Amino acid sequence: MQQAASTQNNAVTLTVETEKIMKKLTGLALLACCFIFNPAFAANSQQSKMATCNKDATGKAGDDRKAFMKDCLSKKPEAAAPATQQEKMKSCNVDATGKKGDDRKAFMKQCLSKPKA
């Protein structure tokens, strides 16, 4: 009887210790994720635009460089390429999930006939 109680206490102690270790590991993993996926480390659009313009301005100097950089940085980003028919089909299929029969056919016809965006 006493040996069974001792074994049970050892099992409980082992479980508690294991739980503490797992909590510490989970906390460290979460902390690591915070640093890895922090958006502050990612270059924003202005930074990437500046880098691109600087690369393109190689070889220019003085007022010529200033004018080029001003013009380059003030440009609007180019519009995205229009969706292909296959991309539209995929998008419409996802949106049509749950529709059946004539309702689905009508939805797909309307969705696919929209102008390319």
PDB file of N, CA and C in Angstrom:
ATOM      1  N   MET A   1       0.819  -1.192   0.000  1.00  0.00           N
ATOM      2  CA  MET A   1       0.000   0.000   0.000  1.00  0.00           C
ATOM      3  C   MET A   1       0.863   1.256   0.000  1.00  0.00           C
ATOM      4  N   GLN A   2       1.878   1.236   0.855  1.00  0.00           N
ATOM      5  CA  GLN A   2       2.744   2.400   0.965  1.00  0.00           C
ATOM      6  C   GLN A   2       3.570   2.574  -0.323  1.00  0.00           C
ATOM      7  N   GLN A   3       3.949   1.460  -0.931  1.00  0.00           N
ATOM      8  CA  GLN A   3       4.729   1.519  -2.162  1.00  0.00           C
ATOM      9  C   GLN A   3       3.882   2.095  -3.309  1.00  0.00           C
ATOM     10  N   ALA A   4       2.607   1.772  -3.373  1.00  0.00           N
ATOM     11  CA  ALA A   4       1.713   2.297  -4.399  1.00  0.00           C
ATOM     12  C   ALA A   4       1.553   3.800  -4.241  1.00  0.00           C
ATOM     13  N   ALA A   5       1.431   4.282  -3.010  1.00  0.00           N
ATOM     14  CA  ALA A   5       1.302   5.714  -2.759  1.00  0.00           C
ATOM     15  C   ALA A   5       2.580   6.440  -3.159  1.00  0.00           C
ATOM     16  N   SER A   6       3.733   5.834  -2.890  1.00  0.00           N
ATOM     17  CA  SER A   6       5.019   6.429  -3.244  1.00  0.00           C
ATOM     18  C   SER A   6       5.159   6.531  -4.765  1.00  0.00           C
ATOM     19  N   THR A   7       4.760   5.490  -5.463  1.00  0.00           N
ATOM     20  CA  THR A   7       4.821   5.483  -6.921  1.00  0.00           C
ATOM     21  C   THR A   7       3.899   6.545  -7.498  1.00  0.00           C
ATOM     22  N   GLN A   8       2.725   6.710  -6.897  1.00  0.00           N
ATOM     23  CA  GLN A   8       1.765   7.706  -7.355  1.00  0.00           C
ATOM     24  C   GLN A   8       2.322   9.108  -7.136  1.00  0.00           C
ATOM     25  N   ASN A   9       2.966   9.353  -5.992  1.00  0.00           N
ATOM     26  CA  ASN A   9       3.560  10.663  -5.722  1.00  0.00           C
ATOM     27  C   ASN A   9       4.680  10.963  -6.717  1.00  0.00           C
ATOM     28  N   ASN A  10       5.481   9.962  -7.046  1.00  0.00           N
ATOM     29  CA  ASN A  10       6.553  10.149  -8.025  1.00  0.00           C
ATOM     30  C   ASN A  10       5.983  10.495  -9.400  1.00  0.00           C
ATOM     31  N   ALA A  11       4.889   9.848  -9.766  1.00  0.00           N
ATOM     32  CA  ALA A  11       4.253  10.112 -11.053  1.00  0.00           C
ATOM     33  C   ALA A  11       3.707  11.535 -11.096  1.00  0.00           C
ATOM     34  N   VAL A  12       3.093  11.983  -9.995  1.00  0.00           N
ATOM     35  CA  VAL A  12       2.548  13.342  -9.926  1.00  0.00           C
ATOM     36  C   VAL A  12       3.680  14.355 -10.009  1.00  0.00           C
ATOM     37  N   THR A  13       4.769  14.105  -9.283  1.00  0.00           N
ATOM     38  CA  THR A  13       5.919  15.012  -9.306  1.00  0.00           C
ATOM     39  C   THR A  13       6.507  15.087 -10.708  1.00  0.00           C
ATOM     40  N   LEU A  14       6.626  13.947 -11.368  1.00  0.00           N
ATOM     41  CA  LEU A  14       7.156  13.910 -12.724  1.00  0.00           C
ATOM     42  C   LEU A  14       6.245  14.684 -13.675  1.00  0.00           C
ATOM     43  N   THR A  15       4.941  14.541 -13.521  1.00  0.00           N
ATOM     44  CA  THR A  15       3.989  15.242 -14.367  1.00  0.00           C
ATOM     45  C   THR A  15       4.090  16.747 -14.160  1.00  0.00           C
ATOM     46  N   VAL A  16       4.210  17.182 -12.911  1.00  0.00           N
ATOM     47  CA  VAL A  16       4.318  18.609 -12.609  1.00  0.00           C
ATOM     48  C   VAL A  16       5.608  19.175 -13.200  1.00  0.00           C
ATOM     49  N   GLU A  17       6.703  18.462 -13.063  1.00  0.00           N
ATOM     50  CA  GLU A  17       7.986  18.916 -13.613  1.00  0.00           C
ATOM     51  C   GLU A  17       7.922  18.992 -15.141  1.00  0.00           C
ATOM     52  N   THR A  18       7.319  17.984 -15.745  1.00  0.00           N
ATOM     53  CA  THR A  18       7.178  17.974 -17.198  1.00  0.00           C
ATOM     54  C   THR A  18       6.329  19.155 -17.657  1.00  0.00           C
ATOM     55  N   GLU A  19       5.275  19.444 -16.925  1.00  0.00           N
ATOM     56  CA  GLU A  19       4.401  20.563 -17.263  1.00  0.00           C
ATOM     57  C   GLU A  19       5.159  21.888 -17.182  1.00  0.00           C
ATOM     58  N   LYS A  20       5.985  22.060 -16.165  1.00  0.00           N
ATOM     59  CA  LYS A  20       6.772  23.292 -16.023  1.00  0.00           C
ATOM     60  C   LYS A  20       7.733  23.458 -17.200  1.00  0.00           C
ATOM     61  N   ILE A  21       8.383  22.367 -17.572  1.00  0.00           N
ATOM     62  CA  ILE A  21       9.325  22.416 -18.691  1.00  0.00           C
ATOM     63  C   ILE A  21       8.594  22.775 -19.984  1.00  0.00           C
ATOM     64  N   MET A  22       7.439  22.169 -20.214  1.00  0.00           N
ATOM     65  CA  MET A  22       6.671  22.436 -21.432  1.00  0.00           C
ATOM     66  C   MET A  22       6.208  23.889 -21.480  1.00  0.00           C
ATOM     67  N   LYS A  23       5.807  24.440 -20.328  1.00  0.00           N
ATOM     68  CA  LYS A  23       5.381  25.843 -20.296  1.00  0.00           C
ATOM     69  C   LYS A  23       6.544  26.761 -20.649  1.00  0.00           C
ATOM     70  N   LYS A  24       7.726  26.467 -20.141  1.00  0.00           N
ATOM     71  CA  LYS A  24       8.895  27.286 -20.453  1.00  0.00           C
ATOM     72  C   LYS A  24       9.236  27.196 -21.941  1.00  0.00           C
ATOM     73  N   LEU A  25       9.196  25.988 -22.488  1.00  0.00           N
ATOM     74  CA  LEU A  25       9.497  25.815 -23.911  1.00  0.00           C
ATOM     75  C   LEU A  25       8.470  26.528 -24.793  1.00  0.00           C
ATOM     76  N   THR A  26       7.210  26.443 -24.402  1.00  0.00           N
ATOM     77  CA  THR A  26       6.156  27.116 -25.160  1.00  0.00           C
ATOM     78  C   THR A  26       6.357  28.625 -25.119  1.00  0.00           C
ATOM     79  N   GLY A  27       6.689  29.146 -23.950  1.00  0.00           N
ATOM     80  CA  GLY A  27       6.942  30.579 -23.813  1.00  0.00           C
ATOM     81  C   GLY A  27       8.112  31.033 -24.671  1.00  0.00           C
ATOM     82  N   LEU A  28       9.182  30.251 -24.674  1.00  0.00           N
ATOM     83  CA  LEU A  28      10.339  30.595 -25.503  1.00  0.00           C
ATOM     84  C   LEU A  28       9.994  30.545 -26.992  1.00  0.00           C
ATOM     85  N   ALA A  29       9.201  29.560 -27.379  1.00  0.00           N
ATOM     86  CA  ALA A  29       8.797  29.450 -28.782  1.00  0.00           C
ATOM     87  C   ALA A  29       7.943  30.653 -29.192  1.00  0.00           C
ATOM     88  N   LEU A  30       7.030  31.063 -28.333  1.00  0.00           N
ATOM     89  CA  LEU A  30       6.193  32.230 -28.634  1.00  0.00           C
ATOM     90  C   LEU A  30       7.038  33.498 -28.729  1.00  0.00           C
ATOM     91  N   LEU A  31       7.990  33.640 -27.829  1.00  0.00           N
ATOM     92  CA  LEU A  31       8.870  34.802 -27.854  1.00  0.00           C
ATOM     93  C   LEU A  31       9.681  34.830 -29.152  1.00  0.00           C
ATOM     94  N   ALA A  32      10.174  33.684 -29.555  1.00  0.00           N
ATOM     95  CA  ALA A  32      10.932  33.605 -30.807  1.00  0.00           C
ATOM     96  C   ALA A  32      10.054  33.988 -31.996  1.00  0.00           C
ATOM     97  N   CYS A  33       8.812  33.539 -31.994  1.00  0.00           N
ATOM     98  CA  CYS A  33       7.887  33.879 -33.085  1.00  0.00           C
ATOM     99  C   CYS A  33       7.631  35.381 -33.140  1.00  0.00           C
ATOM    100  N   CYS A  34       7.542  36.009 -31.979  1.00  0.00           N
ATOM    101  CA  CYS A  34       7.321  37.459 -31.939  1.00  0.00           C
ATOM    102  C   CYS A  34       8.460  38.196 -32.638  1.00  0.00           C
ATOM    103  N   PHE A  35       9.681  37.742 -32.430  1.00  0.00           N
ATOM    104  CA  PHE A  35      10.815  38.399 -33.067  1.00  0.00           C
ATOM    105  C   PHE A  35      10.915  38.059 -34.546  1.00  0.00           C
ATOM    106  N   ILE A  36      10.629  36.835 -34.885  1.00  0.00           N
ATOM    107  CA  ILE A  36      10.765  36.404 -36.275  1.00  0.00           C
ATOM    108  C   ILE A  36       9.715  37.047 -37.171  1.00  0.00           C
ATOM    109  N   PHE A  37       8.480  37.098 -36.704  1.00  0.00           N
ATOM    110  CA  PHE A  37       7.384  37.566 -37.545  1.00  0.00           C
ATOM    111  C   PHE A  37       6.988  39.008 -37.266  1.00  0.00           C
ATOM    112  N   ASN A  38       7.846  39.766 -36.634  1.00  0.00           N
ATOM    113  CA  ASN A  38       7.550  41.153 -36.310  1.00  0.00           C
ATOM    114  C   ASN A  38       7.536  41.987 -37.588  1.00  0.00           C
ATOM    115  N   PRO A  39       6.435  42.675 -37.872  1.00  0.00           N
ATOM    116  CA  PRO A  39       6.366  43.464 -39.105  1.00  0.00           C
ATOM    117  C   PRO A  39       7.315  44.664 -39.098  1.00  0.00           C
ATOM    118  N   ALA A  40       7.815  45.056 -37.937  1.00  0.00           N
ATOM    119  CA  ALA A  40       8.748  46.177 -37.886  1.00  0.00           C
ATOM    120  C   ALA A  40      10.049  45.842 -38.598  1.00  0.00           C
ATOM    121  N   PHE A  41      10.380  44.564 -38.711  1.00  0.00           N
ATOM    122  CA  PHE A  41      11.604  44.161 -39.383  1.00  0.00           C
ATOM    123  C   PHE A  41      11.429  44.123 -40.899  1.00  0.00           C
ATOM    124  N   ALA A  42      10.221  44.089 -41.363  1.00  0.00           N
ATOM    125  CA  ALA A  42       9.966  44.020 -42.800  1.00  0.00           C
ATOM    126  C   ALA A  42      10.097  45.413 -43.420  1.00  0.00           C
ATOM    127  N   ALA A  43      10.627  45.462 -44.615  1.00  0.00           N
ATOM    128  CA  ALA A  43      10.752  46.738 -45.309  1.00  0.00           C
ATOM    129  C   ALA A  43       9.376  47.176 -45.783  1.00  0.00           C
ATOM    130  N   ASN A  44       9.026  48.432 -45.508  1.00  0.00           N
ATOM    131  CA  ASN A  44       7.733  48.919 -45.979  1.00  0.00           C
ATOM    132  C   ASN A  44       7.872  49.398 -47.422  1.00  0.00           C
ATOM    133  N   SER A  45       6.783  49.834 -48.006  1.00  0.00           N
ATOM    134  CA  SER A  45       6.803  50.189 -49.423  1.00  0.00           C
ATOM    135  C   SER A  45       7.702  51.395 -49.683  1.00  0.00           C
ATOM    136  N   GLN A  46       7.733  52.360 -48.763  1.00  0.00           N
ATOM    137  CA  GLN A  46       8.577  53.536 -48.955  1.00  0.00           C
ATOM    138  C   GLN A  46      10.056  53.145 -48.949  1.00  0.00           C
ATOM    139  N   GLN A  47      10.413  52.237 -48.041  1.00  0.00           N
ATOM    140  CA  GLN A  47      11.808  51.795 -47.977  1.00  0.00           C
ATOM    141  C   GLN A  47      12.203  51.045 -49.244  1.00  0.00           C
ATOM    142  N   SER A  48      11.314  50.197 -49.724  1.00  0.00           N
ATOM    143  CA  SER A  48      11.645  49.443 -50.939  1.00  0.00           C
ATOM    144  C   SER A  48      11.695  50.373 -52.150  1.00  0.00           C
ATOM    145  N   LYS A  49      10.822  51.381 -52.182  1.00  0.00           N
ATOM    146  CA  LYS A  49      10.841  52.348 -53.275  1.00  0.00           C
ATOM    147  C   LYS A  49      12.153  53.139 -53.253  1.00  0.00           C
ATOM    148  N   MET A  50      12.589  53.530 -52.047  1.00  0.00           N
ATOM    149  CA  MET A  50      13.839  54.277 -51.898  1.00  0.00           C
ATOM    150  C   MET A  50      15.020  53.434 -52.380  1.00  0.00           C
ATOM    151  N   ALA A  51      15.024  52.162 -52.015  1.00  0.00           N
ATOM    152  CA  ALA A  51      16.112  51.277 -52.432  1.00  0.00           C
ATOM    153  C   ALA A  51      16.139  51.125 -53.949  1.00  0.00           C
ATOM    154  N   THR A  52      14.979  50.968 -54.551  1.00  0.00           N
ATOM    155  CA  THR A  52      14.899  50.818 -56.005  1.00  0.00           C
ATOM    156  C   THR A  52      15.376  52.083 -56.714  1.00  0.00           C
ATOM    157  N   CYS A  53      14.921  53.239 -56.231  1.00  0.00           N
ATOM    158  CA  CYS A  53      15.329  54.504 -56.851  1.00  0.00           C
ATOM    159  C   CYS A  53      16.827  54.737 -56.685  1.00  0.00           C
ATOM    160  N   ASN A  54      17.368  54.414 -55.515  1.00  0.00           N
ATOM    161  CA  ASN A  54      18.810  54.565 -55.294  1.00  0.00           C
ATOM    162  C   ASN A  54      19.602  53.698 -56.260  1.00  0.00           C
ATOM    163  N   LYS A  55      19.115  52.479 -56.473  1.00  0.00           N
ATOM    164  CA  LYS A  55      19.799  51.566 -57.394  1.00  0.00           C
ATOM    165  C   LYS A  55      19.758  52.121 -58.815  1.00  0.00           C
ATOM    166  N   ASP A  56      18.611  52.678 -59.202  1.00  0.00           N
ATOM    167  CA  ASP A  56      18.468  53.230 -60.548  1.00  0.00           C
ATOM    168  C   ASP A  56      19.259  54.524 -60.733  1.00  0.00           C
ATOM    169  N   ALA A  57      19.544  55.233 -59.640  1.00  0.00           N
ATOM    170  CA  ALA A  57      20.247  56.517 -59.718  1.00  0.00           C
ATOM    171  C   ALA A  57      21.760  56.360 -59.733  1.00  0.00           C
ATOM    172  N   THR A  58      22.246  55.144 -59.775  1.00  0.00           N
ATOM    173  CA  THR A  58      23.687  54.910 -59.796  1.00  0.00           C
ATOM    174  C   THR A  58      24.299  55.616 -61.005  1.00  0.00           C
ATOM    175  N   GLY A  59      25.355  56.376 -60.758  1.00  0.00           N
ATOM    176  CA  GLY A  59      26.030  57.082 -61.842  1.00  0.00           C
ATOM    177  C   GLY A  59      25.586  58.520 -61.991  1.00  0.00           C
ATOM    178  N   LYS A  60      24.497  58.905 -61.355  1.00  0.00           N
ATOM    179  CA  LYS A  60      24.031  60.288 -61.419  1.00  0.00           C
ATOM    180  C   LYS A  60      24.603  61.039 -60.215  1.00  0.00           C
ATOM    181  N   ALA A  61      24.801  62.349 -60.368  1.00  0.00           N
ATOM    182  CA  ALA A  61      25.354  63.138 -59.269  1.00  0.00           C
ATOM    183  C   ALA A  61      24.738  64.534 -59.263  1.00  0.00           C
ATOM    184  N   GLY A  62      24.795  65.173 -58.101  1.00  0.00           N
ATOM    185  CA  GLY A  62      24.367  66.563 -57.966  1.00  0.00           C
ATOM    186  C   GLY A  62      22.891  66.771 -58.246  1.00  0.00           C
ATOM    187  N   ASP A  63      22.613  67.871 -58.989  1.00  0.00           N
ATOM    188  CA  ASP A  63      21.228  68.252 -59.274  1.00  0.00           C
ATOM    189  C   ASP A  63      20.517  67.214 -60.134  1.00  0.00           C
ATOM    190  N   ASP A  64      21.267  66.572 -61.013  1.00  0.00           N
ATOM    191  CA  ASP A  64      20.686  65.532 -61.863  1.00  0.00           C
ATOM    192  C   ASP A  64      20.148  64.388 -60.997  1.00  0.00           C
ATOM    193  N   ARG A  65      20.925  63.983 -59.993  1.00  0.00           N
ATOM    194  CA  ARG A  65      20.502  62.912 -59.079  1.00  0.00           C
ATOM    195  C   ARG A  65      19.294  63.347 -58.253  1.00  0.00           C
ATOM    196  N   LYS A  66      19.337  64.585 -57.729  1.00  0.00           N
ATOM    197  CA  LYS A  66      18.218  65.107 -56.923  1.00  0.00           C
ATOM    198  C   LYS A  66      16.925  65.089 -57.728  1.00  0.00           C
ATOM    199  N   ALA A  67      17.003  65.574 -58.969  1.00  0.00           N
ATOM    200  CA  ALA A  67      15.814  65.620 -59.820  1.00  0.00           C
ATOM    201  C   ALA A  67      15.302  64.213 -60.108  1.00  0.00           C
ATOM    202  N   PHE A  68      16.235  63.306 -60.402  1.00  0.00           N
ATOM    203  CA  PHE A  68      15.838  61.928 -60.682  1.00  0.00           C
ATOM    204  C   PHE A  68      15.164  61.296 -59.465  1.00  0.00           C
ATOM    205  N   MET A  69      15.764  61.466 -58.286  1.00  0.00           N
ATOM    206  CA  MET A  69      15.218  60.871 -57.059  1.00  0.00           C
ATOM    207  C   MET A  69      13.841  61.447 -56.746  1.00  0.00           C
ATOM    208  N   LYS A  70      13.674  62.760 -56.926  1.00  0.00           N
ATOM    209  CA  LYS A  70      12.377  63.389 -56.655  1.00  0.00           C
ATOM    210  C   LYS A  70      11.313  62.801 -57.576  1.00  0.00           C
ATOM    211  N   ASP A  71      11.651  62.695 -58.852  1.00  0.00           N
ATOM    212  CA  ASP A  71      10.710  62.145 -59.827  1.00  0.00           C
ATOM    213  C   ASP A  71      10.409  60.674 -59.539  1.00  0.00           C
ATOM    214  N   CYS A  72      11.453  59.913 -59.240  1.00  0.00           N
ATOM    215  CA  CYS A  72      11.304  58.476 -58.993  1.00  0.00           C
ATOM    216  C   CYS A  72      10.456  58.212 -57.748  1.00  0.00           C
ATOM    217  N   LEU A  73      10.721  58.946 -56.671  1.00  0.00           N
ATOM    218  CA  LEU A  73       9.998  58.713 -55.413  1.00  0.00           C
ATOM    219  C   LEU A  73       8.555  59.203 -55.465  1.00  0.00           C
ATOM    220  N   SER A  74       8.261  60.143 -56.365  1.00  0.00           N
ATOM    221  CA  SER A  74       6.892  60.664 -56.430  1.00  0.00           C
ATOM    222  C   SER A  74       5.988  59.845 -57.350  1.00  0.00           C
ATOM    223  N   LYS A  75       6.572  58.917 -58.100  1.00  0.00           N
ATOM    224  CA  LYS A  75       5.763  58.081 -58.999  1.00  0.00           C
ATOM    225  C   LYS A  75       4.850  57.163 -58.202  1.00  0.00           C
ATOM    226  N   LYS A  76       3.696  56.928 -58.741  1.00  0.00           N
ATOM    227  CA  LYS A  76       2.754  55.975 -58.151  1.00  0.00           C
ATOM    228  C   LYS A  76       3.167  54.571 -58.580  1.00  0.00           C
ATOM    229  N   PRO A  77       2.899  53.578 -57.733  1.00  0.00           N
ATOM    230  CA  PRO A  77       3.234  52.210 -58.142  1.00  0.00           C
ATOM    231  C   PRO A  77       2.401  51.792 -59.347  1.00  0.00           C
ATOM    232  N   GLU A  78       2.992  50.948 -60.166  1.00  0.00           N
ATOM    233  CA  GLU A  78       2.288  50.476 -61.352  1.00  0.00           C
ATOM    234  C   GLU A  78       1.103  49.615 -60.948  1.00  0.00           C
ATOM    235  N   ALA A  79       0.046  49.698 -61.733  1.00  0.00           N
ATOM    236  CA  ALA A  79      -1.147  48.901 -61.442  1.00  0.00           C
ATOM    237  C   ALA A  79      -0.828  47.425 -61.628  1.00  0.00           C
ATOM    238  N   ALA A  80      -1.464  46.603 -60.826  1.00  0.00           N
ATOM    239  CA  ALA A  80      -1.252  45.158 -60.915  1.00  0.00           C
ATOM    240  C   ALA A  80      -1.806  44.646 -62.244  1.00  0.00           C
ATOM    241  N   ALA A  81      -1.209  43.604 -62.736  1.00  0.00           N
ATOM    242  CA  ALA A  81      -1.665  43.004 -63.985  1.00  0.00           C
ATOM    243  C   ALA A  81      -3.080  42.459 -63.801  1.00  0.00           C
ATOM    244  N   PRO A  82      -3.915  42.582 -64.826  1.00  0.00           N
ATOM    245  CA  PRO A  82      -5.278  42.068 -64.691  1.00  0.00           C
ATOM    246  C   PRO A  82      -5.285  40.549 -64.491  1.00  0.00           C
ATOM    247  N   ALA A  83      -6.313  40.088 -63.819  1.00  0.00           N
ATOM    248  CA  ALA A  83      -6.427  38.659 -63.517  1.00  0.00           C
ATOM    249  C   ALA A  83      -6.638  37.868 -64.807  1.00  0.00           C
ATOM    250  N   THR A  84      -6.003  36.725 -64.898  1.00  0.00           N
ATOM    251  CA  THR A  84      -6.198  35.868 -66.057  1.00  0.00           C
ATOM    252  C   THR A  84      -7.533  35.140 -65.893  1.00  0.00           C
ATOM    253  N   GLN A  85      -7.998  34.529 -66.964  1.00  0.00           N
ATOM    254  CA  GLN A  85      -9.262  33.798 -66.915  1.00  0.00           C
ATOM    255  C   GLN A  85      -9.182  32.659 -65.902  1.00  0.00           C
ATOM    256  N   GLN A  86      -8.031  32.013 -65.834  1.00  0.00           N
ATOM    257  CA  GLN A  86      -7.865  30.899 -64.896  1.00  0.00           C
ATOM    258  C   GLN A  86      -7.935  31.402 -63.449  1.00  0.00           C
ATOM    259  N   GLU A  87      -7.315  32.556 -63.174  1.00  0.00           N
ATOM    260  CA  GLU A  87      -7.374  33.119 -61.825  1.00  0.00           C
ATOM    261  C   GLU A  87      -8.808  33.503 -61.465  1.00  0.00           C
ATOM    262  N   LYS A  88      -9.525  34.085 -62.451  1.00  0.00           N
ATOM    263  CA  LYS A  88     -10.924  34.441 -62.202  1.00  0.00           C
ATOM    264  C   LYS A  88     -11.753  33.197 -61.904  1.00  0.00           C
ATOM    265  N   MET A  89     -11.484  32.114 -62.645  1.00  0.00           N
ATOM    266  CA  MET A  89     -12.217  30.862 -62.449  1.00  0.00           C
ATOM    267  C   MET A  89     -11.991  30.340 -61.037  1.00  0.00           C
ATOM    268  N   LYS A  90     -10.734  30.362 -60.578  1.00  0.00           N
ATOM    269  CA  LYS A  90     -10.429  29.897 -59.224  1.00  0.00           C
ATOM    270  C   LYS A  90     -11.148  30.746 -58.190  1.00  0.00           C
ATOM    271  N   SER A  91     -11.081  32.059 -58.363  1.00  0.00           N
ATOM    272  CA  SER A  91     -11.708  32.973 -57.414  1.00  0.00           C
ATOM    273  C   SER A  91     -13.223  32.780 -57.376  1.00  0.00           C
ATOM    274  N   CYS A  92     -13.833  32.672 -58.542  1.00  0.00           N
ATOM    275  CA  CYS A  92     -15.286  32.489 -58.605  1.00  0.00           C
ATOM    276  C   CYS A  92     -15.695  31.146 -58.013  1.00  0.00           C
ATOM    277  N   ASN A  93     -14.900  30.099 -58.243  1.00  0.00           N
ATOM    278  CA  ASN A  93     -15.199  28.789 -57.664  1.00  0.00           C
ATOM    279  C   ASN A  93     -15.184  28.841 -56.147  1.00  0.00           C
ATOM    280  N   VAL A  94     -14.218  29.562 -55.592  1.00  0.00           N
ATOM    281  CA  VAL A  94     -14.151  29.694 -54.134  1.00  0.00           C
ATOM    282  C   VAL A  94     -15.379  30.438 -53.624  1.00  0.00           C
ATOM    283  N   ASP A  95     -15.745  31.514 -54.324  1.00  0.00           N
ATOM    284  CA  ASP A  95     -16.905  32.303 -53.899  1.00  0.00           C
ATOM    285  C   ASP A  95     -18.217  31.536 -54.065  1.00  0.00           C
ATOM    286  N   ALA A  96     -18.258  30.590 -55.001  1.00  0.00           N
ATOM    287  CA  ALA A  96     -19.485  29.849 -55.274  1.00  0.00           C
ATOM    288  C   ALA A  96     -19.660  28.636 -54.369  1.00  0.00           C
ATOM    289  N   THR A  97     -18.763  28.443 -53.430  1.00  0.00           N
ATOM    290  CA  THR A  97     -18.864  27.301 -52.525  1.00  0.00           C
ATOM    291  C   THR A  97     -20.210  27.327 -51.809  1.00  0.00           C
ATOM    292  N   GLY A  98     -20.902  26.211 -51.839  1.00  0.00           N
ATOM    293  CA  GLY A  98     -22.197  26.109 -51.166  1.00  0.00           C
ATOM    294  C   GLY A  98     -23.379  26.309 -52.099  1.00  0.00           C
ATOM    295  N   LYS A  99     -23.142  26.863 -53.276  1.00  0.00           N
ATOM    296  CA  LYS A  99     -24.234  27.057 -54.237  1.00  0.00           C
ATOM    297  C   LYS A  99     -24.322  25.811 -55.117  1.00  0.00           C
ATOM    298  N   LYS A 100     -25.544  25.472 -55.545  1.00  0.00           N
ATOM    299  CA  LYS A 100     -25.744  24.278 -56.366  1.00  0.00           C
ATOM    300  C   LYS A 100     -26.714  24.568 -57.497  1.00  0.00           C
ATOM    301  N   GLY A 101     -26.603  23.781 -58.538  1.00  0.00           N
ATOM    302  CA  GLY A 101     -27.558  23.825 -59.638  1.00  0.00           C
ATOM    303  C   GLY A 101     -27.586  25.152 -60.374  1.00  0.00           C
ATOM    304  N   ASP A 102     -28.819  25.607 -60.670  1.00  0.00           N
ATOM    305  CA  ASP A 102     -29.010  26.833 -61.440  1.00  0.00           C
ATOM    306  C   ASP A 102     -28.465  28.059 -60.711  1.00  0.00           C
ATOM    307  N   ASP A 103     -28.553  28.046 -59.377  1.00  0.00           N
ATOM    308  CA  ASP A 103     -28.039  29.167 -58.590  1.00  0.00           C
ATOM    309  C   ASP A 103     -26.531  29.311 -58.809  1.00  0.00           C
ATOM    310  N   ARG A 104     -25.831  28.176 -58.807  1.00  0.00           N
ATOM    311  CA  ARG A 104     -24.372  28.200 -59.027  1.00  0.00           C
ATOM    312  C   ARG A 104     -24.044  28.643 -60.451  1.00  0.00           C
ATOM    313  N   LYS A 105     -24.784  28.107 -61.437  1.00  0.00           N
ATOM    314  CA  LYS A 105     -24.546  28.479 -62.833  1.00  0.00           C
ATOM    315  C   LYS A 105     -24.713  29.980 -63.036  1.00  0.00           C
ATOM    316  N   ALA A 106     -25.783  30.529 -62.477  1.00  0.00           N
ATOM    317  CA  ALA A 106     -26.044  31.964 -62.622  1.00  0.00           C
ATOM    318  C   ALA A 106     -24.943  32.781 -61.944  1.00  0.00           C
ATOM    319  N   PHE A 107     -24.545  32.344 -60.766  1.00  0.00           N
ATOM    320  CA  PHE A 107     -23.489  33.062 -60.048  1.00  0.00           C
ATOM    321  C   PHE A 107     -22.182  33.026 -60.836  1.00  0.00           C
ATOM    322  N   MET A 108     -21.808  31.855 -61.336  1.00  0.00           N
ATOM    323  CA  MET A 108     -20.555  31.712 -62.076  1.00  0.00           C
ATOM    324  C   MET A 108     -20.580  32.554 -63.355  1.00  0.00           C
ATOM    325  N   LYS A 109     -21.708  32.570 -64.052  1.00  0.00           N
ATOM    326  CA  LYS A 109     -21.824  33.362 -65.271  1.00  0.00           C
ATOM    327  C   LYS A 109     -21.620  34.840 -64.961  1.00  0.00           C
ATOM    328  N   GLN A 110     -22.275  35.300 -63.905  1.00  0.00           N
ATOM    329  CA  GLN A 110     -22.162  36.710 -63.508  1.00  0.00           C
ATOM    330  C   GLN A 110     -20.743  37.025 -63.038  1.00  0.00           C
ATOM    331  N   CYS A 111     -20.158  36.132 -62.261  1.00  0.00           N
ATOM    332  CA  CYS A 111     -18.817  36.357 -61.712  1.00  0.00           C
ATOM    333  C   CYS A 111     -17.765  36.381 -62.821  1.00  0.00           C
ATOM    334  N   LEU A 112     -17.849  35.452 -63.745  1.00  0.00           N
ATOM    335  CA  LEU A 112     -16.850  35.366 -64.806  1.00  0.00           C
ATOM    336  C   LEU A 112     -17.014  36.449 -65.866  1.00  0.00           C
ATOM    337  N   SER A 113     -18.197  37.051 -65.967  1.00  0.00           N
ATOM    338  CA  SER A 113     -18.405  38.088 -66.978  1.00  0.00           C
ATOM    339  C   SER A 113     -18.004  39.472 -66.483  1.00  0.00           C
ATOM    340  N   LYS A 114     -17.620  39.581 -65.212  1.00  0.00           N
ATOM    341  CA  LYS A 114     -17.153  40.874 -64.694  1.00  0.00           C
ATOM    342  C   LYS A 114     -15.889  41.265 -65.444  1.00  0.00           C
ATOM    343  N   PRO A 115     -15.679  42.569 -65.624  1.00  0.00           N
ATOM    344  CA  PRO A 115     -14.429  42.977 -66.281  1.00  0.00           C
ATOM    345  C   PRO A 115     -13.230  42.561 -65.444  1.00  0.00           C
ATOM    346  N   LYS A 116     -12.137  42.283 -66.110  1.00  0.00           N
ATOM    347  CA  LYS A 116     -10.928  41.866 -65.397  1.00  0.00           C
ATOM    348  C   LYS A 116     -10.474  42.994 -64.486  1.00  0.00           C
ATOM    349  N   ALA A 117     -10.123  42.598 -63.237  1.00  0.00           N
ATOM    350  CA  ALA A 117      -9.673  43.611 -62.279  1.00  0.00           C
ATOM    351  C   ALA A 117      -8.241  43.368 -61.902  1.00  0.00           C
TER     352      ALA A 117
END
